[in-house]
PDB file of all heavy atoms in Angstrom:
ATOM      1  N   ASN A   1      39.275   1.762 -28.570  1.00  0.00           N
ATOM      2  CA  ASN A   1      37.923   1.888 -29.102  1.00  0.00           C
ATOM      3  C   ASN A   1      37.243   0.532 -29.029  1.00  0.00           C
ATOM      4  O   ASN A   1      37.582  -0.378 -29.788  1.00  0.00           O
ATOM      5  CB  ASN A   1      37.973   2.379 -30.555  1.00  0.00           C
ATOM      6  CG  ASN A   1      36.578   2.659 -31.105  1.00  0.00           C
ATOM      7  OD1 ASN A   1      35.576   2.270 -30.520  1.00  0.00           O
ATOM      8  ND2 ASN A   1      36.517   3.353 -32.240  1.00  0.00           N
ATOM      9  N   PRO A   2      36.269   0.351 -28.128  1.00  0.00           N
ATOM     10  CA  PRO A   2      35.616  -0.957 -27.968  1.00  0.00           C
ATOM     11  C   PRO A   2      34.898  -1.439 -29.224  1.00  0.00           C
ATOM     12  O   PRO A   2      34.543  -2.612 -29.324  1.00  0.00           O
ATOM     13  CB  PRO A   2      34.611  -0.718 -26.827  1.00  0.00           C
ATOM     14  CG  PRO A   2      35.101   0.500 -26.127  1.00  0.00           C
ATOM     15  CD  PRO A   2      35.750   1.342 -27.162  1.00  0.00           C
ATOM     16  N   ASN A   3      34.649  -0.535 -30.171  1.00  0.00           N
ATOM     17  CA  ASN A   3      33.959  -0.923 -31.400  1.00  0.00           C
ATOM     18  C   ASN A   3      34.900  -1.492 -32.445  1.00  0.00           C
ATOM     19  O   ASN A   3      34.454  -1.938 -33.502  1.00  0.00           O
ATOM     20  CB  ASN A   3      33.223   0.286 -31.997  1.00  0.00           C
ATOM     21  CG  ASN A   3      32.150   0.817 -31.064  1.00  0.00           C
ATOM     22  OD1 ASN A   3      31.352   0.061 -30.537  1.00  0.00           O
ATOM     23  ND2 ASN A   3      32.158   2.122 -30.831  1.00  0.00           N
ATOM     24  N   LEU A   4      36.208  -1.460 -32.176  1.00  0.00           N
ATOM     25  CA  LEU A   4      37.182  -1.903 -33.166  1.00  0.00           C
ATOM     26  C   LEU A   4      37.972  -3.098 -32.644  1.00  0.00           C
ATOM     27  O   LEU A   4      38.924  -2.947 -31.880  1.00  0.00           O
ATOM     28  CB  LEU A   4      38.142  -0.757 -33.529  1.00  0.00           C
ATOM     29  CG  LEU A   4      37.513   0.466 -34.202  1.00  0.00           C
ATOM     30  CD1 LEU A   4      38.568   1.534 -34.462  1.00  0.00           C
ATOM     31  CD2 LEU A   4      36.845   0.061 -35.515  1.00  0.00           C
ATOM     32  N   ILE A   5      37.544  -4.287 -33.028  1.00  0.00           N
ATOM     33  CA  ILE A   5      38.320  -5.501 -32.803  1.00  0.00           C
ATOM     34  C   ILE A   5      38.393  -6.238 -34.130  1.00  0.00           C
ATOM     35  O   ILE A   5      37.584  -5.971 -35.031  1.00  0.00           O
ATOM     36  CB  ILE A   5      37.699  -6.402 -31.705  1.00  0.00           C
ATOM     37  CG1 ILE A   5      36.255  -6.787 -32.065  1.00  0.00           C
ATOM     38  CG2 ILE A   5      37.752  -5.717 -30.352  1.00  0.00           C
ATOM     39  CD1 ILE A   5      35.636  -7.764 -31.080  1.00  0.00           C
ATOM     40  N   HIS A   6      39.350  -7.130 -34.261  1.00  0.00           N
ATOM     41  CA  HIS A   6      39.533  -7.771 -35.560  1.00  0.00           C
ATOM     42  C   HIS A   6      39.752  -9.275 -35.385  1.00  0.00           C
ATOM     43  O   HIS A   6      40.263  -9.729 -34.356  1.00  0.00           O
ATOM     44  CB  HIS A   6      40.714  -7.154 -36.315  1.00  0.00           C
ATOM     45  CG  HIS A   6      42.010  -7.186 -35.540  1.00  0.00           C
ATOM     46  ND1 HIS A   6      42.814  -8.300 -35.497  1.00  0.00           N
ATOM     47  CD2 HIS A   6      42.606  -6.245 -34.762  1.00  0.00           C
ATOM     48  CE1 HIS A   6      43.867  -8.040 -34.746  1.00  0.00           C
ATOM     49  NE2 HIS A   6      43.774  -6.812 -34.279  1.00  0.00           N
ATOM     50  N   PRO A   7      39.347 -10.069 -36.409  1.00  0.00           N
ATOM     51  CA  PRO A   7      39.537 -11.519 -36.331  1.00  0.00           C
ATOM     52  C   PRO A   7      40.999 -11.887 -36.109  1.00  0.00           C
ATOM     53  O   PRO A   7      41.901 -11.278 -36.670  1.00  0.00           O
ATOM     54  CB  PRO A   7      39.053 -11.997 -37.711  1.00  0.00           C
ATOM     55  CG  PRO A   7      38.086 -10.950 -38.154  1.00  0.00           C
ATOM     56  CD  PRO A   7      38.655  -9.658 -37.642  1.00  0.00           C
ATOM     57  N   GLY A   8      41.221 -12.869 -35.248  1.00  0.00           N
ATOM     58  CA  GLY A   8      42.573 -13.303 -34.926  1.00  0.00           C
ATOM     59  C   GLY A   8      43.145 -12.635 -33.694  1.00  0.00           C
ATOM     60  O   GLY A   8      44.155 -13.085 -33.147  1.00  0.00           O
ATOM     61  N   GLN A   9      42.523 -11.560 -33.245  1.00  0.00           N
ATOM     62  CA  GLN A   9      42.987 -10.855 -32.043  1.00  0.00           C
ATOM     63  C   GLN A   9      42.713 -11.716 -30.813  1.00  0.00           C
ATOM     64  O   GLN A   9      41.624 -12.253 -30.642  1.00  0.00           O
ATOM     65  CB  GLN A   9      42.254  -9.519 -31.938  1.00  0.00           C
ATOM     66  CG  GLN A   9      42.698  -8.620 -30.801  1.00  0.00           C
ATOM     67  CD  GLN A   9      41.983  -7.272 -30.856  1.00  0.00           C
ATOM     68  OE1 GLN A   9      41.170  -7.016 -31.753  1.00  0.00           O
ATOM     69  NE2 GLN A   9      42.279  -6.409 -29.915  1.00  0.00           N
ATOM     70  N   VAL A  10      43.711 -11.892 -29.955  1.00  0.00           N
ATOM     71  CA  VAL A  10      43.570 -12.717 -28.768  1.00  0.00           C
ATOM     72  C   VAL A  10      43.269 -11.820 -27.572  1.00  0.00           C
ATOM     73  O   VAL A  10      44.050 -10.911 -27.250  1.00  0.00           O
ATOM     74  CB  VAL A  10      44.840 -13.549 -28.503  1.00  0.00           C
ATOM     75  CG1 VAL A  10      44.678 -14.378 -27.227  1.00  0.00           C
ATOM     76  CG2 VAL A  10      45.132 -14.454 -29.690  1.00  0.00           C
ATOM     77  N   LEU A  11      42.139 -12.056 -26.928  1.00  0.00           N
ATOM     78  CA  LEU A  11      41.718 -11.261 -25.780  1.00  0.00           C
ATOM     79  C   LEU A  11      41.963 -12.012 -24.478  1.00  0.00           C
ATOM     80  O   LEU A  11      41.713 -13.214 -24.399  1.00  0.00           O
ATOM     81  CB  LEU A  11      40.227 -10.925 -25.891  1.00  0.00           C
ATOM     82  CG  LEU A  11      39.756 -10.183 -27.137  1.00  0.00           C
ATOM     83  CD1 LEU A  11      38.253 -10.006 -27.084  1.00  0.00           C
ATOM     84  CD2 LEU A  11      40.454  -8.850 -27.276  1.00  0.00           C
ATOM     85  N   LYS A  12      42.440 -11.308 -23.480  1.00  0.00           N
ATOM     86  CA  LYS A  12      42.521 -11.864 -22.134  1.00  0.00           C
ATOM     87  C   LYS A  12      41.142 -11.757 -21.491  1.00  0.00           C
ATOM     88  O   LYS A  12      40.439 -10.763 -21.662  1.00  0.00           O
ATOM     89  CB  LYS A  12      43.550 -11.093 -21.297  1.00  0.00           C
ATOM     90  CG  LYS A  12      44.979 -11.212 -21.797  1.00  0.00           C
ATOM     91  CD  LYS A  12      45.930 -10.412 -20.910  1.00  0.00           C
ATOM     92  CE  LYS A  12      45.624  -8.916 -20.995  1.00  0.00           C
ATOM     93  NZ  LYS A  12      46.590  -8.109 -20.198  1.00  0.00           N
ATOM     94  N   LEU A  13      40.753 -12.794 -20.736  1.00  0.00           N
ATOM     95  CA  LEU A  13      39.448 -12.816 -20.088  1.00  0.00           C
ATOM     96  C   LEU A  13      39.639 -12.938 -18.579  1.00  0.00           C
ATOM     97  O   LEU A  13      39.521 -14.028 -18.008  1.00  0.00           O
ATOM     98  CB  LEU A  13      38.602 -13.981 -20.613  1.00  0.00           C
ATOM     99  CG  LEU A  13      38.311 -13.997 -22.129  1.00  0.00           C
ATOM    100  CD1 LEU A  13      37.558 -15.274 -22.494  1.00  0.00           C
ATOM    101  CD2 LEU A  13      37.512 -12.772 -22.539  1.00  0.00           C
ATOM    102  N   PRO A  14      39.943 -11.832 -17.905  1.00  0.00           N
ATOM    103  CA  PRO A  14      40.101 -11.893 -16.444  1.00  0.00           C
ATOM    104  C   PRO A  14      38.785 -12.265 -15.773  1.00  0.00           C
ATOM    105  O   PRO A  14      37.715 -12.192 -16.389  1.00  0.00           O
ATOM    106  CB  PRO A  14      40.511 -10.451 -16.078  1.00  0.00           C
ATOM    107  CG  PRO A  14      40.863  -9.792 -17.375  1.00  0.00           C
ATOM    108  CD  PRO A  14      40.078 -10.485 -18.436  1.00  0.00           C
ATOM    109  N   ALA A  15      38.869 -12.678 -14.511  1.00  0.00           N
ATOM    110  CA  ALA A  15      37.650 -12.917 -13.752  1.00  0.00           C
ATOM    111  C   ALA A  15      36.851 -11.623 -13.687  1.00  0.00           C
ATOM    112  O   ALA A  15      37.410 -10.522 -13.748  1.00  0.00           O
ATOM    113  CB  ALA A  15      37.995 -13.405 -12.352  1.00  0.00           C
ATOM    114  N   ARG A  16      35.563 -11.732 -13.565  1.00  0.00           N
ATOM    115  CA  ARG A  16      34.701 -10.540 -13.595  1.00  0.00           C
ATOM    116  C   ARG A  16      35.129  -9.505 -12.560  1.00  0.00           C
ATOM    117  O   ARG A  16      35.173  -8.305 -12.834  1.00  0.00           O
ATOM    118  CB  ARG A  16      33.246 -10.963 -13.368  1.00  0.00           C
ATOM    119  CG  ARG A  16      32.265  -9.802 -13.358  1.00  0.00           C
ATOM    120  CD  ARG A  16      30.860 -10.281 -13.240  1.00  0.00           C
ATOM    121  NE  ARG A  16      29.920  -9.163 -13.235  1.00  0.00           N
ATOM    122  CZ  ARG A  16      28.756  -9.154 -13.855  1.00  0.00           C
ATOM    123  NH1 ARG A  16      28.390 -10.204 -14.546  1.00  0.00           N
ATOM    124  NH2 ARG A  16      27.954  -8.114 -13.790  1.00  0.00           N
ATOM    125  N   GLU A  17      35.451  -9.990 -11.362  1.00  0.00           N
ATOM    126  CA  GLU A  17      35.824  -9.046 -10.296  1.00  0.00           C
ATOM    127  C   GLU A  17      37.169  -8.390 -10.537  1.00  0.00           C
ATOM    128  O   GLU A  17      37.520  -7.407  -9.882  1.00  0.00           O
ATOM    129  CB  GLU A  17      35.801  -9.747  -8.938  1.00  0.00           C
ATOM    130  CG  GLU A  17      36.769 -10.928  -8.810  1.00  0.00           C
ATOM    131  CD  GLU A  17      36.157 -12.230  -9.286  1.00  0.00           C
ATOM    132  OE1 GLU A  17      35.084 -12.183  -9.922  1.00  0.00           O
ATOM    133  OE2 GLU A  17      36.756 -13.279  -8.997  1.00  0.00           O
ATOM    134  N   GLU A  18      37.946  -8.914 -11.491  1.00  0.00           N
ATOM    135  CA  GLU A  18      39.259  -8.337 -11.791  1.00  0.00           C
ATOM    136  C   GLU A  18      39.232  -7.404 -12.994  1.00  0.00           C
ATOM    137  O   GLU A  18      40.270  -6.835 -13.358  1.00  0.00           O
ATOM    138  CB  GLU A  18      40.261  -9.470 -12.041  1.00  0.00           C
ATOM    139  CG  GLU A  18      40.490 -10.358 -10.817  1.00  0.00           C
ATOM    140  CD  GLU A  18      41.412 -11.535 -11.123  1.00  0.00           C
ATOM    141  OE1 GLU A  18      41.867 -11.639 -12.270  1.00  0.00           O
ATOM    142  OE2 GLU A  18      41.659 -12.338 -10.203  1.00  0.00           O
ATOM    143  N   LEU A  19      38.086  -7.235 -13.617  1.00  0.00           N
ATOM    144  CA  LEU A  19      38.001  -6.327 -14.760  1.00  0.00           C
ATOM    145  C   LEU A  19      38.174  -4.887 -14.293  1.00  0.00           C
ATOM    146  O   LEU A  19      37.534  -4.458 -13.321  1.00  0.00           O
ATOM    147  CB  LEU A  19      36.651  -6.475 -15.458  1.00  0.00           C
ATOM    148  CG  LEU A  19      36.420  -7.751 -16.270  1.00  0.00           C
ATOM    149  CD1 LEU A  19      34.965  -7.842 -16.702  1.00  0.00           C
ATOM    150  CD2 LEU A  19      37.340  -7.794 -17.473  1.00  0.00           C
ATOM    151  N   PRO A  20      39.012  -4.091 -14.963  1.00  0.00           N
ATOM    152  CA  PRO A  20      39.186  -2.684 -14.580  1.00  0.00           C
ATOM    153  C   PRO A  20      37.983  -1.853 -15.006  1.00  0.00           C
ATOM    154  O   PRO A  20      37.111  -2.319 -15.752  1.00  0.00           O
ATOM    155  CB  PRO A  20      40.440  -2.274 -15.355  1.00  0.00           C
ATOM    156  CG  PRO A  20      40.435  -3.158 -16.559  1.00  0.00           C
ATOM    157  CD  PRO A  20      39.861  -4.468 -16.102  1.00  0.00           C
ATOM    158  N   ALA A  21      37.927  -0.622 -14.531  1.00  0.00           N
ATOM    159  CA  ALA A  21      36.857   0.274 -14.941  1.00  0.00           C
ATOM    160  C   ALA A  21      37.003   0.612 -16.412  1.00  0.00           C
ATOM    161  O   ALA A  21      38.112   0.627 -16.968  1.00  0.00           O
ATOM    162  CB  ALA A  21      36.901   1.551 -14.098  1.00  0.00           C
ATOM    163  N   ALA A  22      35.868   0.853 -17.062  1.00  0.00           N
ATOM    164  CA  ALA A  22      35.893   1.195 -18.486  1.00  0.00           C
ATOM    165  C   ALA A  22      36.512   2.568 -18.676  1.00  0.00           C
ATOM    166  O   ALA A  22      36.325   3.482 -17.863  1.00  0.00           O
ATOM    167  CB  ALA A  22      34.485   1.171 -19.050  1.00  0.00           C
ATOM    168  N   ALA A  23      37.265   2.721 -19.766  1.00  0.00           N
ATOM    169  CA  ALA A  23      37.877   4.004 -20.094  1.00  0.00           C
ATOM    170  C   ALA A  23      36.806   4.976 -20.577  1.00  0.00           C
ATOM    171  O   ALA A  23      35.781   4.571 -21.127  1.00  0.00           O
ATOM    172  CB  ALA A  23      38.946   3.819 -21.165  1.00  0.00           C
ATOM    173  N   THR A  24      37.035   6.283 -20.357  1.00  0.00           N
ATOM    174  CA  THR A  24      36.109   7.302 -20.841  1.00  0.00           C
ATOM    175  C   THR A  24      36.203   7.390 -22.352  1.00  0.00           C
ATOM    176  O   THR A  24      37.300   7.516 -22.900  1.00  0.00           O
ATOM    177  CB  THR A  24      36.447   8.670 -20.229  1.00  0.00           C
ATOM    178  OG1 THR A  24      36.409   8.564 -18.804  1.00  0.00           O
ATOM    179  CG2 THR A  24      35.465   9.733 -20.696  1.00  0.00           C
ATOM    180  N   PRO A  25      35.083   7.327 -23.089  1.00  0.00           N
ATOM    181  CA  PRO A  25      35.137   7.385 -24.546  1.00  0.00           C
ATOM    182  C   PRO A  25      35.749   8.682 -25.042  1.00  0.00           C
ATOM    183  O   PRO A  25      35.533   9.746 -24.459  1.00  0.00           O
ATOM    184  CB  PRO A  25      33.660   7.276 -24.962  1.00  0.00           C
ATOM    185  CG  PRO A  25      32.959   6.683 -23.786  1.00  0.00           C
ATOM    186  CD  PRO A  25      33.707   7.169 -22.589  1.00  0.00           C
ATOM    187  N   SER A  26      36.530   8.592 -26.107  1.00  0.00           N
ATOM    188  CA  SER A  26      37.131   9.780 -26.715  1.00  0.00           C
ATOM    189  C   SER A  26      36.070  10.542 -27.497  1.00  0.00           C
ATOM    190  O   SER A  26      34.961  10.052 -27.731  1.00  0.00           O
ATOM    191  CB  SER A  26      38.259   9.374 -27.663  1.00  0.00           C
ATOM    192  OG  SER A  26      37.738   8.652 -28.764  1.00  0.00           O
ATOM    193  N   ARG A  27      36.406  11.770 -27.929  1.00  0.00           N
ATOM    194  CA  ARG A  27      35.455  12.564 -28.701  1.00  0.00           C
ATOM    195  C   ARG A  27      35.079  11.865 -30.006  1.00  0.00           C
ATOM    196  O   ARG A  27      33.928  11.897 -30.434  1.00  0.00           O
ATOM    197  CB  ARG A  27      36.054  13.940 -28.999  1.00  0.00           C
ATOM    198  CG  ARG A  27      36.183  14.836 -27.770  1.00  0.00           C
ATOM    199  CD  ARG A  27      36.760  16.174 -28.140  1.00  0.00           C
ATOM    200  NE  ARG A  27      36.840  17.055 -26.972  1.00  0.00           N
ATOM    201  CZ  ARG A  27      37.325  18.298 -27.004  1.00  0.00           C
ATOM    202  NH1 ARG A  27      37.768  18.787 -28.163  1.00  0.00           N
ATOM    203  NH2 ARG A  27      37.374  19.021 -25.923  1.00  0.00           N
ATOM    204  N   SER A  28      36.075  11.242 -30.642  1.00  0.00           N
ATOM    205  CA  SER A  28      35.792  10.574 -31.912  1.00  0.00           C
ATOM    206  C   SER A  28      34.850   9.388 -31.711  1.00  0.00           C
ATOM    207  O   SER A  28      33.989   9.133 -32.540  1.00  0.00           O
ATOM    208  CB  SER A  28      37.098  10.109 -32.578  1.00  0.00           C
ATOM    209  OG  SER A  28      37.773   9.188 -31.744  1.00  0.00           O
ATOM    210  N   GLN A  29      35.012   8.683 -30.584  1.00  0.00           N
ATOM    211  CA  GLN A  29      34.120   7.559 -30.313  1.00  0.00           C
ATOM    212  C   GLN A  29      32.703   8.046 -30.034  1.00  0.00           C
ATOM    213  O   GLN A  29      31.728   7.447 -30.482  1.00  0.00           O
ATOM    214  CB  GLN A  29      34.630   6.751 -29.120  1.00  0.00           C
ATOM    215  CG  GLN A  29      35.951   6.030 -29.392  1.00  0.00           C
ATOM    216  CD  GLN A  29      36.532   5.436 -28.132  1.00  0.00           C
ATOM    217  OE1 GLN A  29      35.810   5.119 -27.205  1.00  0.00           O
ATOM    218  NE2 GLN A  29      37.840   5.286 -28.098  1.00  0.00           N
ATOM    219  N   LYS A  30      32.587   9.172 -29.282  1.00  0.00           N
ATOM    220  CA  LYS A  30      31.256   9.732 -29.034  1.00  0.00           C
ATOM    221  C   LYS A  30      30.601  10.175 -30.332  1.00  0.00           C
ATOM    222  O   LYS A  30      29.405   9.987 -30.544  1.00  0.00           O
ATOM    223  CB  LYS A  30      31.364  10.904 -28.064  1.00  0.00           C
ATOM    224  CG  LYS A  30      31.723  10.537 -26.642  1.00  0.00           C
ATOM    225  CD  LYS A  30      31.772  11.779 -25.780  1.00  0.00           C
ATOM    226  CE  LYS A  30      32.117  11.435 -24.330  1.00  0.00           C
ATOM    227  NZ  LYS A  30      32.190  12.666 -23.488  1.00  0.00           N
ATOM    228  N   ALA A  31      31.391  10.792 -31.207  1.00  0.00           N
ATOM    229  CA  ALA A  31      30.848  11.254 -32.481  1.00  0.00           C
ATOM    230  C   ALA A  31      30.368  10.082 -33.325  1.00  0.00           C
ATOM    231  O   ALA A  31      29.307  10.130 -33.953  1.00  0.00           O
ATOM    232  CB  ALA A  31      31.909  12.048 -33.238  1.00  0.00           C
ATOM    233  N   ALA A  32      31.147   9.000 -33.325  1.00  0.00           N
ATOM    234  CA  ALA A  32      30.754   7.824 -34.107  1.00  0.00           C
ATOM    235  C   ALA A  32      29.453   7.227 -33.580  1.00  0.00           C
ATOM    236  O   ALA A  32      28.584   6.811 -34.348  1.00  0.00           O
ATOM    237  CB  ALA A  32      31.868   6.797 -34.074  1.00  0.00           C
ATOM    238  N   ALA A  33      29.320   7.202 -32.250  1.00  0.00           N
ATOM    239  CA  ALA A  33      28.121   6.631 -31.654  1.00  0.00           C
ATOM    240  C   ALA A  33      26.886   7.490 -31.904  1.00  0.00           C
ATOM    241  O   ALA A  33      25.766   6.987 -31.984  1.00  0.00           O
ATOM    242  CB  ALA A  33      28.323   6.445 -30.144  1.00  0.00           C
ATOM    243  N   ALA A  34      27.081   8.829 -32.031  1.00  0.00           N
ATOM    244  CA  ALA A  34      25.956   9.742 -32.220  1.00  0.00           C
ATOM    245  C   ALA A  34      25.602   9.964 -33.677  1.00  0.00           C
ATOM    246  O   ALA A  34      24.597  10.590 -33.992  1.00  0.00           O
ATOM    247  CB  ALA A  34      26.278  11.086 -31.563  1.00  0.00           C
ATOM    248  N   THR A  35      26.417   9.476 -34.586  1.00  0.00           N
ATOM    249  CA  THR A  35      26.172   9.677 -36.012  1.00  0.00           C
ATOM    250  C   THR A  35      25.088   8.724 -36.496  1.00  0.00           C
ATOM    251  O   THR A  35      25.103   7.542 -36.190  1.00  0.00           O
ATOM    252  CB  THR A  35      27.461   9.446 -36.827  1.00  0.00           C
ATOM    253  OG1 THR A  35      28.466  10.354 -36.367  1.00  0.00           O
ATOM    254  CG2 THR A  35      27.205   9.682 -38.317  1.00  0.00           C
ATOM    255  N   VAL A  36      24.146   9.269 -37.253  1.00  0.00           N
ATOM    256  CA  VAL A  36      23.043   8.484 -37.798  1.00  0.00           C
ATOM    257  C   VAL A  36      23.314   8.200 -39.266  1.00  0.00           C
ATOM    258  O   VAL A  36      23.562   9.125 -40.042  1.00  0.00           O
ATOM    259  CB  VAL A  36      21.704   9.234 -37.647  1.00  0.00           C
ATOM    260  CG1 VAL A  36      20.570   8.436 -38.296  1.00  0.00           C
ATOM    261  CG2 VAL A  36      21.414   9.506 -36.189  1.00  0.00           C
ATOM    262  N   TYR A  37      23.291   6.929 -39.643  1.00  0.00           N
ATOM    263  CA  TYR A  37      23.476   6.517 -41.023  1.00  0.00           C
ATOM    264  C   TYR A  37      22.126   6.117 -41.602  1.00  0.00           C
ATOM    265  O   TYR A  37      21.282   5.545 -40.917  1.00  0.00           O
ATOM    266  CB  TYR A  37      24.436   5.325 -41.117  1.00  0.00           C
ATOM    267  CG  TYR A  37      25.830   5.631 -40.605  1.00  0.00           C
ATOM    268  CD1 TYR A  37      26.127   5.517 -39.248  1.00  0.00           C
ATOM    269  CD2 TYR A  37      26.822   6.043 -41.476  1.00  0.00           C
ATOM    270  CE1 TYR A  37      27.388   5.804 -38.779  1.00  0.00           C
ATOM    271  CE2 TYR A  37      28.097   6.330 -41.001  1.00  0.00           C
ATOM    272  CZ  TYR A  37      28.384   6.204 -39.654  1.00  0.00           C
ATOM    273  OH  TYR A  37      29.640   6.490 -39.190  1.00  0.00           O
ATOM    274  N   GLY A  38      21.919   6.437 -42.891  1.00  0.00           N
ATOM    275  CA  GLY A  38      20.654   6.072 -43.522  1.00  0.00           C
ATOM    276  C   GLY A  38      20.736   6.167 -45.028  1.00  0.00           C
ATOM    277  O   GLY A  38      21.797   6.418 -45.603  1.00  0.00           O
ATOM    278  N   ARG A  39      19.573   5.967 -45.667  1.00  0.00           N
ATOM    279  CA  ARG A  39      19.488   6.044 -47.131  1.00  0.00           C
ATOM    280  C   ARG A  39      18.224   6.815 -47.496  1.00  0.00           C
ATOM    281  O   ARG A  39      17.148   6.546 -46.987  1.00  0.00           O
ATOM    282  CB  ARG A  39      19.445   4.642 -47.737  1.00  0.00           C
ATOM    283  CG  ARG A  39      19.437   4.637 -49.270  1.00  0.00           C
ATOM    284  CD  ARG A  39      19.384   3.212 -49.807  1.00  0.00           C
ATOM    285  NE  ARG A  39      20.577   2.472 -49.448  1.00  0.00           N
ATOM    286  CZ  ARG A  39      21.721   2.497 -50.145  1.00  0.00           C
ATOM    287  NH1 ARG A  39      21.807   3.246 -51.241  1.00  0.00           N
ATOM    288  NH2 ARG A  39      22.754   1.789 -49.756  1.00  0.00           N
ATOM    289  N   ASP A  40      18.369   7.821 -48.378  1.00  0.00           N
ATOM    290  CA  ASP A  40      17.238   8.625 -48.824  1.00  0.00           C
ATOM    291  C   ASP A  40      16.329   7.756 -49.687  1.00  0.00           C
ATOM    292  O   ASP A  40      16.758   7.239 -50.725  1.00  0.00           O
ATOM    293  CB  ASP A  40      17.744   9.818 -49.643  1.00  0.00           C
ATOM    294  CG  ASP A  40      16.610  10.816 -49.899  1.00  0.00           C
ATOM    295  OD1 ASP A  40      15.524  10.378 -50.304  1.00  0.00           O
ATOM    296  OD2 ASP A  40      16.832  12.034 -49.705  1.00  0.00           O
ATOM    297  N   PRO A  41      15.049   7.567 -49.293  1.00  0.00           N
ATOM    298  CA  PRO A  41      14.162   6.677 -50.054  1.00  0.00           C
ATOM    299  C   PRO A  41      13.848   7.188 -51.463  1.00  0.00           C
ATOM    300  O   PRO A  41      13.471   6.423 -52.330  1.00  0.00           O
ATOM    301  CB  PRO A  41      12.900   6.619 -49.186  1.00  0.00           C
ATOM    302  CG  PRO A  41      12.940   7.865 -48.358  1.00  0.00           C
ATOM    303  CD  PRO A  41      14.389   8.151 -48.114  1.00  0.00           C
ATOM    304  N   GLU A  42      13.975   8.525 -51.683  1.00  0.00           N
ATOM    305  CA  GLU A  42      13.655   9.087 -53.001  1.00  0.00           C
ATOM    306  C   GLU A  42      14.836   9.003 -53.958  1.00  0.00           C
ATOM    307  O   GLU A  42      14.686   8.625 -55.126  1.00  0.00           O
ATOM    308  CB  GLU A  42      13.206  10.542 -52.851  1.00  0.00           C
ATOM    309  CG  GLU A  42      11.891  10.684 -52.057  1.00  0.00           C
ATOM    310  CD  GLU A  42      11.435  12.126 -51.980  1.00  0.00           C
ATOM    311  OE1 GLU A  42      12.144  13.009 -52.524  1.00  0.00           O
ATOM    312  OE2 GLU A  42      10.370  12.377 -51.382  1.00  0.00           O
ATOM    313  N   THR A  43      16.025   9.345 -53.462  1.00  0.00           N
ATOM    314  CA  THR A  43      17.199   9.360 -54.349  1.00  0.00           C
ATOM    315  C   THR A  43      18.006   8.077 -54.269  1.00  0.00           C
ATOM    316  O   THR A  43      18.780   7.771 -55.173  1.00  0.00           O
ATOM    317  CB  THR A  43      18.108  10.541 -53.993  1.00  0.00           C
ATOM    318  OG1 THR A  43      18.629  10.335 -52.663  1.00  0.00           O
ATOM    319  CG2 THR A  43      17.346  11.858 -54.038  1.00  0.00           C
ATOM    320  N   GLY A  44      17.843   7.315 -53.170  1.00  0.00           N
ATOM    321  CA  GLY A  44      18.627   6.100 -52.997  1.00  0.00           C
ATOM    322  C   GLY A  44      20.037   6.365 -52.513  1.00  0.00           C
ATOM    323  O   GLY A  44      20.831   5.439 -52.356  1.00  0.00           O
ATOM    324  N   LYS A  45      20.382   7.637 -52.245  1.00  0.00           N
ATOM    325  CA  LYS A  45      21.740   7.965 -51.805  1.00  0.00           C
ATOM    326  C   LYS A  45      21.886   7.767 -50.295  1.00  0.00           C
ATOM    327  O   LYS A  45      20.956   8.021 -49.528  1.00  0.00           O
ATOM    328  CB  LYS A  45      22.074   9.417 -52.154  1.00  0.00           C
ATOM    329  CG  LYS A  45      22.156   9.672 -53.667  1.00  0.00           C
ATOM    330  CD  LYS A  45      22.548  11.119 -53.936  1.00  0.00           C
ATOM    331  CE  LYS A  45      22.681  11.376 -55.441  1.00  0.00           C
ATOM    332  NZ  LYS A  45      23.070  12.783 -55.713  1.00  0.00           N
TER     333      LYS A  45
END
């Protein structure tokens, strides 16, 4: 999940031309990206 990285994690940085193709997002990742978060201005919830 490209949205989940954490401090202290060491990433390899290959040359740009050596980067592999991106993986197809899972259903849970698509759902997270399509979910809208907000706050009701009347109730504050």
